């Protein structure tokens, strides 16, 4: 049985061929932050209302959707955690309260596509393990904290086309990276 378990563990590990290296361009974002029960749903409800009211699908069809725990579970004494969700918007677009307008610096990221059930499961663990063991790439979380998920992002793909679909949603797990100095 040990051989089967070892083979299964090896099959579940990501290799450099399993991870895409992507450049996320700098962007202006509308940010929704929510702390409480089901913070992802709370943050997305605020963001979705804004996207509908602003007719963002027509005004800015290139919008991308990112999110991250803020603060991470276990960071608060009351046990609750938060989530911040972003939508990229035109630079000159106004955002109403309770949203805030922020600048995302962009950068180089390791990307691995998953389905929603993998968010709480092995998705992040597999990407983290890959980064720790990659000969070419290293995590680049300088200046980031556990409070904001260390710069890690979750991108809900095809926001306008599939946002309301519960049957087929995909996420890219995005980890800031840099090339290892000794990589060839």
N, C-alpha and C. Protein backbone atom coordinates (compact mmCIF):
# COMPACT_ATOMS: atom_id res chain seq x y z
N UNK A 1 0.82 -1.19 0.00
CA UNK A 1 0.00 0.00 0.00
C UNK A 1 0.86 1.26 0.00
N UNK A 2 2.06 1.17 0.58
CA UNK A 2 2.96 2.31 0.62
C UNK A 2 3.31 2.78 -0.78
N UNK A 3 3.57 1.85 -1.70
CA UNK A 3 3.90 2.20 -3.08
C UNK A 3 2.75 2.96 -3.75
N UNK A 4 1.53 2.52 -3.50
CA UNK A 4 0.36 3.19 -4.07
C UNK A 4 0.23 4.61 -3.52
N UNK A 5 0.42 4.76 -2.21
CA UNK A 5 0.35 6.09 -1.60
C UNK A 5 1.44 7.00 -2.12
N UNK A 6 2.65 6.49 -2.30
CA UNK A 6 3.74 7.30 -2.83
C UNK A 6 3.47 7.70 -4.28
N UNK A 7 2.95 6.77 -5.06
CA UNK A 7 2.62 7.07 -6.45
C UNK A 7 1.52 8.12 -6.53
N UNK A 8 0.51 8.01 -5.67
CA UNK A 8 -0.57 8.98 -5.64
C UNK A 8 -0.06 10.36 -5.24
N UNK A 9 0.81 10.40 -4.25
CA UNK A 9 1.38 11.69 -3.81
C UNK A 9 2.17 12.33 -4.95
N UNK A 10 2.93 11.54 -5.68
CA UNK A 10 3.71 12.07 -6.79
C UNK A 10 2.81 12.58 -7.91
N UNK A 11 1.74 11.86 -8.21
CA UNK A 11 0.80 12.29 -9.24
C UNK A 11 0.10 13.59 -8.88
N UNK A 12 -0.10 13.84 -7.59
CA UNK A 12 -0.78 15.05 -7.14
C UNK A 12 0.14 16.25 -7.00
N UNK A 13 1.42 16.08 -7.30
CA UNK A 13 2.36 17.20 -7.23
C UNK A 13 2.40 17.91 -8.58
N UNK A 14 2.46 19.22 -8.53
CA UNK A 14 2.59 20.01 -9.75
C UNK A 14 4.05 20.05 -10.18
N UNK A 15 4.27 20.04 -11.49
CA UNK A 15 5.61 20.22 -12.04
C UNK A 15 5.62 21.55 -12.79
N UNK A 16 6.78 21.96 -13.26
CA UNK A 16 6.87 23.21 -14.03
C UNK A 16 5.96 23.18 -15.26
N UNK A 17 5.71 22.00 -15.79
CA UNK A 17 4.83 21.88 -16.96
C UNK A 17 3.36 22.08 -16.61
N UNK A 18 3.00 21.93 -15.33
CA UNK A 18 1.61 22.07 -14.88
C UNK A 18 1.24 23.51 -14.52
N UNK A 19 2.24 24.37 -14.38
CA UNK A 19 2.03 25.73 -13.89
C UNK A 19 2.34 26.72 -15.01
N UNK A 20 1.40 27.61 -15.28
CA UNK A 20 1.63 28.66 -16.28
C UNK A 20 2.29 29.85 -15.60
N UNK A 21 3.21 30.50 -16.29
CA UNK A 21 3.83 31.73 -15.81
C UNK A 21 3.17 32.86 -16.59
N UNK A 22 2.51 33.77 -15.87
CA UNK A 22 1.74 34.84 -16.52
C UNK A 22 2.16 36.19 -15.97
N UNK A 23 2.04 37.19 -16.82
CA UNK A 23 2.26 38.57 -16.39
C UNK A 23 0.90 39.23 -16.25
N UNK A 24 0.59 39.73 -15.06
CA UNK A 24 -0.65 40.47 -14.85
C UNK A 24 -0.30 41.95 -14.97
N UNK A 25 -0.94 42.66 -15.89
CA UNK A 25 -0.60 44.07 -16.07
C UNK A 25 -1.12 44.92 -14.91
N UNK A 26 -0.47 46.06 -14.66
CA UNK A 26 -1.00 46.98 -13.66
C UNK A 26 -2.43 47.36 -14.02
N UNK A 27 -3.23 47.65 -13.02
CA UNK A 27 -4.64 47.97 -13.28
C UNK A 27 -5.22 48.80 -12.15
N UNK A 28 -6.26 49.54 -12.49
CA UNK A 28 -7.09 50.21 -11.51
C UNK A 28 -8.21 49.24 -11.16
N UNK A 29 -8.51 49.11 -9.86
CA UNK A 29 -9.54 48.16 -9.45
C UNK A 29 -10.57 48.82 -8.54
N UNK A 30 -11.79 48.32 -8.62
CA UNK A 30 -12.83 48.62 -7.64
C UNK A 30 -12.74 47.49 -6.62
N UNK A 31 -12.56 47.83 -5.34
CA UNK A 31 -12.34 46.83 -4.29
C UNK A 31 -13.51 46.80 -3.32
N UNK A 32 -14.00 45.61 -3.04
CA UNK A 32 -15.04 45.39 -2.04
C UNK A 32 -14.45 44.53 -0.93
N UNK A 33 -14.61 44.96 0.30
CA UNK A 33 -14.05 44.23 1.44
C UNK A 33 -15.19 43.89 2.39
N UNK A 34 -15.17 42.64 2.89
CA UNK A 34 -16.23 42.19 3.77
C UNK A 34 -15.64 41.25 4.81
N UNK A 35 -15.96 41.49 6.09
CA UNK A 35 -15.58 40.60 7.18
C UNK A 35 -16.85 40.09 7.83
N UNK A 36 -16.97 38.79 8.00
CA UNK A 36 -18.15 38.21 8.63
C UNK A 36 -18.39 36.82 8.09
N UNK A 37 -19.57 36.29 8.37
CA UNK A 37 -19.90 34.96 7.86
C UNK A 37 -19.88 34.95 6.33
N UNK A 38 -19.31 33.93 5.74
CA UNK A 38 -19.22 33.79 4.28
C UNK A 38 -18.71 35.07 3.63
N UNK A 39 -17.49 35.50 3.97
CA UNK A 39 -17.00 36.78 3.48
C UNK A 39 -16.84 36.86 1.95
N UNK A 40 -16.56 35.72 1.31
CA UNK A 40 -16.46 35.74 -0.15
C UNK A 40 -17.79 36.18 -0.76
N UNK A 41 -18.88 35.58 -0.28
CA UNK A 41 -20.22 35.94 -0.79
C UNK A 41 -20.54 37.40 -0.51
N UNK A 42 -20.18 37.87 0.68
CA UNK A 42 -20.44 39.26 1.04
C UNK A 42 -19.69 40.24 0.15
N UNK A 43 -18.42 39.97 -0.10
CA UNK A 43 -17.61 40.86 -0.95
C UNK A 43 -18.11 40.81 -2.39
N UNK A 44 -18.43 39.61 -2.89
CA UNK A 44 -18.90 39.51 -4.27
C UNK A 44 -20.27 40.14 -4.45
N UNK A 45 -21.12 40.10 -3.46
CA UNK A 45 -22.44 40.75 -3.58
C UNK A 45 -22.27 42.25 -3.79
N UNK A 46 -21.36 42.86 -3.06
CA UNK A 46 -21.09 44.29 -3.21
C UNK A 46 -20.53 44.57 -4.60
N UNK A 47 -19.58 43.77 -5.03
CA UNK A 47 -18.94 43.96 -6.33
C UNK A 47 -19.91 43.70 -7.48
N UNK A 48 -20.73 42.67 -7.36
CA UNK A 48 -21.70 42.35 -8.40
C UNK A 48 -22.72 43.47 -8.58
N UNK A 49 -23.18 44.05 -7.47
CA UNK A 49 -24.14 45.16 -7.56
C UNK A 49 -23.51 46.34 -8.30
N UNK A 50 -22.26 46.62 -7.99
CA UNK A 50 -21.55 47.70 -8.69
C UNK A 50 -21.42 47.40 -10.18
N UNK A 51 -20.99 46.19 -10.53
CA UNK A 51 -20.81 45.82 -11.94
C UNK A 51 -22.12 45.95 -12.71
N UNK A 52 -23.23 45.56 -12.09
CA UNK A 52 -24.54 45.67 -12.74
C UNK A 52 -24.94 47.13 -12.90
N UNK A 53 -24.83 47.91 -11.82
CA UNK A 53 -25.22 49.32 -11.85
C UNK A 53 -24.37 50.12 -12.84
N UNK A 54 -23.09 49.82 -12.92
CA UNK A 54 -22.18 50.55 -13.82
C UNK A 54 -22.21 50.00 -15.25
N UNK A 55 -23.00 48.94 -15.47
CA UNK A 55 -23.06 48.30 -16.78
C UNK A 55 -21.66 47.94 -17.27
N UNK A 56 -20.87 47.42 -16.34
CA UNK A 56 -19.45 47.17 -16.60
C UNK A 56 -19.20 46.18 -17.73
N UNK A 57 -20.08 45.23 -17.93
CA UNK A 57 -19.91 44.25 -19.00
C UNK A 57 -19.85 44.92 -20.37
N UNK A 58 -20.59 46.02 -20.55
CA UNK A 58 -20.56 46.75 -21.81
C UNK A 58 -19.49 47.85 -21.80
N UNK A 59 -19.35 48.52 -20.66
CA UNK A 59 -18.42 49.64 -20.55
C UNK A 59 -16.97 49.17 -20.59
N UNK A 60 -16.70 48.05 -19.95
CA UNK A 60 -15.33 47.55 -19.83
C UNK A 60 -15.32 46.02 -19.87
N UNK A 61 -15.57 45.43 -21.06
CA UNK A 61 -15.68 43.97 -21.15
C UNK A 61 -14.38 43.23 -20.84
N UNK A 62 -13.26 43.95 -20.78
CA UNK A 62 -11.97 43.31 -20.46
C UNK A 62 -11.75 43.17 -18.96
N UNK A 63 -12.75 43.52 -18.14
CA UNK A 63 -12.59 43.47 -16.69
C UNK A 63 -12.18 42.08 -16.22
N UNK A 64 -11.29 42.08 -15.25
CA UNK A 64 -10.86 40.84 -14.61
C UNK A 64 -11.22 40.91 -13.14
N UNK A 65 -11.40 39.74 -12.55
CA UNK A 65 -11.86 39.64 -11.17
C UNK A 65 -10.83 38.90 -10.33
N UNK A 66 -10.34 39.56 -9.28
CA UNK A 66 -9.38 38.95 -8.36
C UNK A 66 -9.95 39.00 -6.95
N UNK A 67 -9.43 38.15 -6.08
CA UNK A 67 -9.83 38.19 -4.68
C UNK A 67 -8.82 37.51 -3.79
N UNK A 68 -8.94 37.77 -2.50
CA UNK A 68 -8.02 37.17 -1.53
C UNK A 68 -8.59 37.33 -0.13
N UNK A 69 -8.20 36.43 0.77
CA UNK A 69 -8.60 36.54 2.18
C UNK A 69 -7.95 37.79 2.77
N UNK A 70 -8.72 38.53 3.55
CA UNK A 70 -8.20 39.76 4.16
C UNK A 70 -9.10 40.15 5.32
N UNK A 71 -8.77 39.79 6.54
CA UNK A 71 -7.61 39.04 6.96
C UNK A 71 -7.83 37.54 6.78
N UNK A 72 -6.73 36.82 6.79
CA UNK A 72 -6.76 35.37 6.68
C UNK A 72 -7.47 34.75 7.89
N UNK A 73 -8.04 33.56 7.73
CA UNK A 73 -8.59 32.86 8.90
C UNK A 73 -7.51 32.72 9.99
N UNK A 74 -7.93 32.88 11.23
CA UNK A 74 -7.01 32.74 12.35
C UNK A 74 -6.29 34.02 12.74
N UNK A 75 -6.50 35.10 11.99
CA UNK A 75 -5.81 36.36 12.29
C UNK A 75 -6.56 37.21 13.31
N UNK A 76 -7.86 36.95 13.46
CA UNK A 76 -8.67 37.75 14.38
C UNK A 76 -9.06 36.93 15.60
N UNK A 77 -9.17 37.59 16.73
CA UNK A 77 -9.55 36.91 17.98
C UNK A 77 -10.96 36.35 17.92
N UNK A 78 -11.87 37.00 17.17
CA UNK A 78 -13.24 36.52 17.11
C UNK A 78 -13.43 35.34 16.17
N UNK A 79 -12.35 34.92 15.49
CA UNK A 79 -12.41 33.75 14.62
C UNK A 79 -12.93 34.03 13.22
N UNK A 80 -13.46 35.23 12.97
CA UNK A 80 -13.95 35.54 11.64
C UNK A 80 -12.79 35.96 10.75
N UNK A 81 -13.00 35.81 9.46
CA UNK A 81 -12.00 36.29 8.51
C UNK A 81 -12.72 37.13 7.47
N UNK A 82 -11.95 37.73 6.60
CA UNK A 82 -12.53 38.61 5.60
C UNK A 82 -12.09 38.22 4.20
N UNK A 83 -12.70 38.89 3.25
CA UNK A 83 -12.34 38.68 1.84
C UNK A 83 -12.41 40.01 1.14
N UNK A 84 -11.45 40.24 0.26
CA UNK A 84 -11.47 41.44 -0.58
C UNK A 84 -11.54 40.99 -2.03
N UNK A 85 -12.51 41.50 -2.75
CA UNK A 85 -12.71 41.15 -4.16
C UNK A 85 -12.48 42.40 -4.99
N UNK A 86 -11.82 42.22 -6.13
CA UNK A 86 -11.50 43.33 -7.04
C UNK A 86 -12.08 43.07 -8.42
N UNK A 87 -12.48 44.15 -9.07
CA UNK A 87 -12.77 44.13 -10.50
C UNK A 87 -11.92 45.21 -11.13
N UNK A 88 -11.21 44.86 -12.21
CA UNK A 88 -10.46 45.89 -12.92
C UNK A 88 -11.45 46.79 -13.63
N UNK A 89 -11.15 48.08 -13.63
CA UNK A 89 -12.05 49.09 -14.19
C UNK A 89 -11.24 50.10 -14.98
N UNK A 90 -11.91 50.93 -15.82
CA UNK A 90 -11.19 52.02 -16.48
C UNK A 90 -10.63 52.97 -15.42
N UNK A 91 -9.46 53.52 -15.69
CA UNK A 91 -8.77 54.37 -14.72
C UNK A 91 -9.60 55.57 -14.28
N UNK A 92 -10.42 56.10 -15.17
CA UNK A 92 -11.19 57.30 -14.86
C UNK A 92 -12.59 57.01 -14.27
N UNK A 93 -12.90 55.75 -14.02
CA UNK A 93 -14.22 55.39 -13.50
C UNK A 93 -14.32 55.70 -12.01
N UNK A 94 -15.43 56.30 -11.60
CA UNK A 94 -15.70 56.54 -10.19
C UNK A 94 -16.29 55.29 -9.56
N UNK A 95 -15.97 55.07 -8.29
CA UNK A 95 -16.56 53.95 -7.57
C UNK A 95 -17.25 54.47 -6.32
N UNK A 96 -18.50 54.08 -6.11
CA UNK A 96 -19.25 54.55 -4.94
C UNK A 96 -18.89 53.74 -3.68
N UNK A 97 -19.10 54.36 -2.54
CA UNK A 97 -18.96 53.63 -1.27
C UNK A 97 -20.01 52.52 -1.25
N UNK A 98 -19.73 51.41 -0.67
CA UNK A 98 -18.62 51.07 0.21
C UNK A 98 -17.37 50.58 -0.53
N UNK A 99 -17.36 50.66 -1.87
CA UNK A 99 -16.19 50.25 -2.63
C UNK A 99 -15.07 51.27 -2.45
N UNK A 100 -13.86 50.84 -2.72
CA UNK A 100 -12.74 51.77 -2.78
C UNK A 100 -12.02 51.54 -4.10
N UNK A 101 -11.35 52.57 -4.56
CA UNK A 101 -10.59 52.50 -5.80
C UNK A 101 -9.12 52.33 -5.43
N UNK A 102 -8.48 51.33 -6.04
CA UNK A 102 -7.09 51.01 -5.72
C UNK A 102 -6.30 50.81 -7.00
N UNK A 103 -4.98 50.85 -6.85
CA UNK A 103 -4.08 50.54 -7.95
C UNK A 103 -3.41 49.20 -7.67
N UNK A 104 -3.49 48.30 -8.62
CA UNK A 104 -2.84 47.00 -8.54
C UNK A 104 -1.57 47.09 -9.37
N UNK A 105 -0.43 46.77 -8.77
CA UNK A 105 0.87 46.92 -9.44
C UNK A 105 1.12 45.89 -10.52
N UNK A 106 0.39 44.78 -10.48
CA UNK A 106 0.64 43.72 -11.46
C UNK A 106 1.94 43.01 -11.16
N UNK A 107 2.41 42.23 -12.10
CA UNK A 107 3.67 41.52 -11.95
C UNK A 107 3.62 40.11 -12.49
N UNK A 108 4.66 39.36 -12.18
CA UNK A 108 4.82 38.00 -12.66
C UNK A 108 4.22 37.03 -11.65
N UNK A 109 3.40 36.10 -12.13
CA UNK A 109 2.69 35.17 -11.26
C UNK A 109 2.75 33.75 -11.81
N UNK A 110 2.79 32.79 -10.90
CA UNK A 110 2.58 31.39 -11.24
C UNK A 110 1.08 31.18 -11.18
N UNK A 111 0.54 30.48 -12.17
CA UNK A 111 -0.90 30.31 -12.28
C UNK A 111 -1.24 28.83 -12.43
N UNK A 112 -2.25 28.41 -11.67
CA UNK A 112 -2.74 27.03 -11.75
C UNK A 112 -4.26 27.07 -11.69
N UNK A 113 -4.91 26.52 -12.69
CA UNK A 113 -6.37 26.55 -12.79
C UNK A 113 -6.99 25.42 -11.98
N UNK A 114 -8.03 25.79 -11.23
CA UNK A 114 -8.75 24.82 -10.39
C UNK A 114 -10.25 25.06 -10.50
N UNK A 115 -11.02 24.18 -9.90
CA UNK A 115 -12.46 24.35 -9.77
C UNK A 115 -12.76 24.74 -8.33
N UNK A 116 -13.93 25.31 -8.03
CA UNK A 116 -14.22 25.84 -6.69
C UNK A 116 -13.97 24.87 -5.54
N UNK A 117 -14.25 23.61 -5.74
CA UNK A 117 -14.07 22.65 -4.64
C UNK A 117 -12.60 22.50 -4.24
N UNK A 118 -11.68 22.90 -5.10
CA UNK A 118 -10.26 22.82 -4.78
C UNK A 118 -9.75 24.03 -4.02
N UNK A 119 -10.54 25.10 -3.92
CA UNK A 119 -10.10 26.29 -3.19
C UNK A 119 -9.80 25.97 -1.74
N UNK A 120 -10.70 25.27 -1.10
CA UNK A 120 -10.51 24.93 0.31
C UNK A 120 -9.72 23.63 0.47
N UNK A 121 -9.54 22.93 -0.62
CA UNK A 121 -8.85 21.64 -0.55
C UNK A 121 -7.37 21.77 -0.84
N UNK A 122 -6.92 21.05 -1.84
CA UNK A 122 -5.49 20.92 -2.09
C UNK A 122 -4.93 21.94 -3.06
N UNK A 123 -5.76 22.79 -3.63
CA UNK A 123 -5.29 23.71 -4.67
C UNK A 123 -4.10 24.56 -4.26
N UNK A 124 -4.26 25.32 -3.17
CA UNK A 124 -3.16 26.19 -2.73
C UNK A 124 -1.97 25.38 -2.26
N UNK A 125 -2.21 24.28 -1.57
CA UNK A 125 -1.11 23.45 -1.08
C UNK A 125 -0.25 22.91 -2.21
N UNK A 126 -0.88 22.51 -3.30
CA UNK A 126 -0.14 21.99 -4.45
C UNK A 126 0.70 23.08 -5.09
N UNK A 127 0.16 24.30 -5.22
CA UNK A 127 0.92 25.40 -5.83
C UNK A 127 2.07 25.82 -4.92
N UNK A 128 1.82 25.86 -3.63
CA UNK A 128 2.87 26.22 -2.66
C UNK A 128 4.01 25.21 -2.72
N UNK A 129 3.66 23.92 -2.75
CA UNK A 129 4.67 22.86 -2.83
C UNK A 129 5.48 23.01 -4.11
N UNK A 130 4.81 23.31 -5.23
CA UNK A 130 5.52 23.51 -6.49
C UNK A 130 6.55 24.63 -6.35
N UNK A 131 6.13 25.77 -5.77
CA UNK A 131 7.03 26.92 -5.65
C UNK A 131 8.23 26.61 -4.77
N UNK A 132 8.02 25.84 -3.73
CA UNK A 132 9.13 25.49 -2.84
C UNK A 132 10.13 24.56 -3.52
N UNK A 133 9.67 23.83 -4.54
CA UNK A 133 10.52 22.82 -5.17
C UNK A 133 10.93 23.13 -6.61
N UNK A 134 10.43 24.21 -7.19
CA UNK A 134 10.78 24.55 -8.56
C UNK A 134 12.25 24.94 -8.66
N UNK A 135 12.91 24.44 -9.67
CA UNK A 135 14.30 24.81 -9.92
C UNK A 135 14.40 26.16 -10.62
N UNK A 136 13.30 26.61 -11.24
CA UNK A 136 13.32 27.84 -12.04
C UNK A 136 12.72 29.05 -11.33
N UNK A 137 11.71 28.82 -10.49
CA UNK A 137 10.93 29.91 -9.93
C UNK A 137 10.88 29.86 -8.41
N UNK A 138 10.79 31.05 -7.80
CA UNK A 138 10.67 31.17 -6.35
C UNK A 138 9.53 32.12 -6.02
N UNK A 139 8.91 31.92 -4.88
CA UNK A 139 7.87 32.84 -4.42
C UNK A 139 8.48 34.22 -4.24
N UNK A 140 7.70 35.25 -4.56
CA UNK A 140 8.17 36.63 -4.43
C UNK A 140 7.14 37.41 -3.63
N UNK A 141 7.18 37.23 -2.33
CA UNK A 141 6.16 37.84 -1.47
C UNK A 141 6.76 38.94 -0.60
N UNK A 142 7.78 39.61 -1.12
CA UNK A 142 8.42 40.69 -0.38
C UNK A 142 7.40 41.74 0.03
N UNK A 143 7.38 42.06 1.30
CA UNK A 143 6.49 43.11 1.79
C UNK A 143 5.06 42.69 2.02
N UNK A 144 4.72 41.47 1.67
CA UNK A 144 3.35 40.99 1.88
C UNK A 144 3.25 40.33 3.25
N UNK A 145 2.04 40.26 3.76
CA UNK A 145 1.82 39.67 5.07
C UNK A 145 0.71 38.64 5.00
N UNK A 146 0.59 37.86 6.05
CA UNK A 146 -0.51 36.91 6.16
C UNK A 146 -1.85 37.62 6.23
N UNK A 147 -1.82 38.88 6.66
CA UNK A 147 -3.05 39.67 6.74
C UNK A 147 -3.72 39.78 5.37
N UNK A 148 -2.91 39.90 4.29
CA UNK A 148 -3.49 40.05 2.96
C UNK A 148 -3.18 38.84 2.07
N UNK A 149 -3.04 37.69 2.67
CA UNK A 149 -2.82 36.43 1.97
C UNK A 149 -1.48 36.41 1.25
N UNK A 150 -0.52 37.18 1.74
CA UNK A 150 0.85 37.17 1.22
C UNK A 150 0.94 37.52 -0.26
N UNK A 151 0.01 38.28 -0.78
CA UNK A 151 0.04 38.66 -2.19
C UNK A 151 -0.54 37.62 -3.13
N UNK A 152 -1.00 36.49 -2.58
CA UNK A 152 -1.64 35.47 -3.40
C UNK A 152 -3.00 35.99 -3.85
N UNK A 153 -3.39 35.63 -5.07
CA UNK A 153 -4.69 36.05 -5.60
C UNK A 153 -5.45 34.84 -6.14
N UNK A 154 -6.76 34.96 -6.12
CA UNK A 154 -7.64 34.01 -6.79
C UNK A 154 -8.36 34.80 -7.88
N UNK A 155 -8.24 34.34 -9.12
CA UNK A 155 -8.94 35.00 -10.20
C UNK A 155 -10.09 34.13 -10.66
N UNK A 156 -11.30 34.67 -10.56
CA UNK A 156 -12.47 33.96 -11.08
C UNK A 156 -12.48 34.22 -12.58
N UNK A 157 -12.29 33.17 -13.37
CA UNK A 157 -12.17 33.33 -14.81
C UNK A 157 -13.53 33.58 -15.47
N UNK A 158 -13.50 34.32 -16.56
CA UNK A 158 -14.70 34.60 -17.35
C UNK A 158 -15.79 35.22 -16.49
N UNK A 159 -15.45 36.28 -15.77
CA UNK A 159 -16.33 36.89 -14.79
C UNK A 159 -17.73 37.18 -15.35
N UNK A 160 -17.80 37.85 -16.47
CA UNK A 160 -19.12 38.22 -16.99
C UNK A 160 -19.87 37.03 -17.57
N UNK A 161 -19.18 36.12 -18.22
CA UNK A 161 -19.85 34.99 -18.88
C UNK A 161 -20.29 33.91 -17.90
N UNK A 162 -19.50 33.68 -16.86
CA UNK A 162 -19.76 32.52 -16.00
C UNK A 162 -19.97 32.86 -14.54
N UNK A 163 -20.03 34.14 -14.18
CA UNK A 163 -20.08 34.50 -12.77
C UNK A 163 -21.27 33.88 -12.05
N UNK A 164 -22.40 33.85 -12.70
CA UNK A 164 -23.59 33.32 -12.03
C UNK A 164 -23.71 31.80 -12.16
N UNK A 165 -22.81 31.19 -12.92
CA UNK A 165 -22.87 29.74 -13.12
C UNK A 165 -22.29 29.01 -11.92
N UNK A 166 -23.07 28.18 -11.31
CA UNK A 166 -22.59 27.34 -10.20
C UNK A 166 -22.06 26.02 -10.74
N UNK A 167 -22.43 25.70 -11.99
CA UNK A 167 -22.05 24.42 -12.57
C UNK A 167 -20.65 24.41 -13.17
N UNK A 168 -20.20 25.57 -13.65
CA UNK A 168 -18.90 25.59 -14.31
C UNK A 168 -18.18 26.89 -14.01
N UNK A 169 -17.56 26.93 -12.88
CA UNK A 169 -16.72 28.08 -12.52
C UNK A 169 -15.29 27.57 -12.44
N UNK A 170 -14.37 28.40 -12.88
CA UNK A 170 -12.96 28.07 -12.79
C UNK A 170 -12.23 29.23 -12.13
N UNK A 171 -11.17 28.89 -11.43
CA UNK A 171 -10.33 29.89 -10.78
C UNK A 171 -8.89 29.65 -11.19
N UNK A 172 -8.15 30.73 -11.32
CA UNK A 172 -6.70 30.63 -11.38
C UNK A 172 -6.18 31.01 -10.01
N UNK A 173 -5.37 30.14 -9.43
CA UNK A 173 -4.65 30.49 -8.23
C UNK A 173 -3.40 31.19 -8.71
N UNK A 174 -3.11 32.37 -8.17
CA UNK A 174 -2.01 33.20 -8.65
C UNK A 174 -1.04 33.50 -7.52
N UNK A 175 0.21 33.13 -7.72
CA UNK A 175 1.25 33.33 -6.72
C UNK A 175 2.34 34.23 -7.31
N UNK A 176 2.65 35.35 -6.62
CA UNK A 176 3.74 36.20 -7.14
C UNK A 176 5.06 35.44 -7.09
N UNK A 177 5.80 35.52 -8.20
CA UNK A 177 7.05 34.76 -8.31
C UNK A 177 8.15 35.62 -8.91
N UNK A 178 9.36 35.10 -8.83
CA UNK A 178 10.52 35.67 -9.51
C UNK A 178 11.37 34.48 -9.96
N UNK A 179 12.18 34.73 -10.98
CA UNK A 179 13.06 33.67 -11.43
C UNK A 179 14.18 33.47 -10.40
N UNK A 180 14.51 32.23 -10.14
CA UNK A 180 15.59 31.93 -9.20
C UNK A 180 16.90 32.43 -9.81
N UNK A 181 17.76 32.96 -8.96
CA UNK A 181 19.04 33.50 -9.43
C UNK A 181 19.90 32.44 -10.09
N UNK A 182 19.83 31.22 -9.62
CA UNK A 182 20.65 30.15 -10.18
C UNK A 182 19.96 29.37 -11.29
N UNK A 183 18.76 29.82 -11.71
CA UNK A 183 18.01 29.12 -12.77
C UNK A 183 18.70 29.33 -14.11
N UNK A 184 18.64 28.33 -14.92
CA UNK A 184 19.27 28.43 -16.24
C UNK A 184 18.26 28.22 -17.32
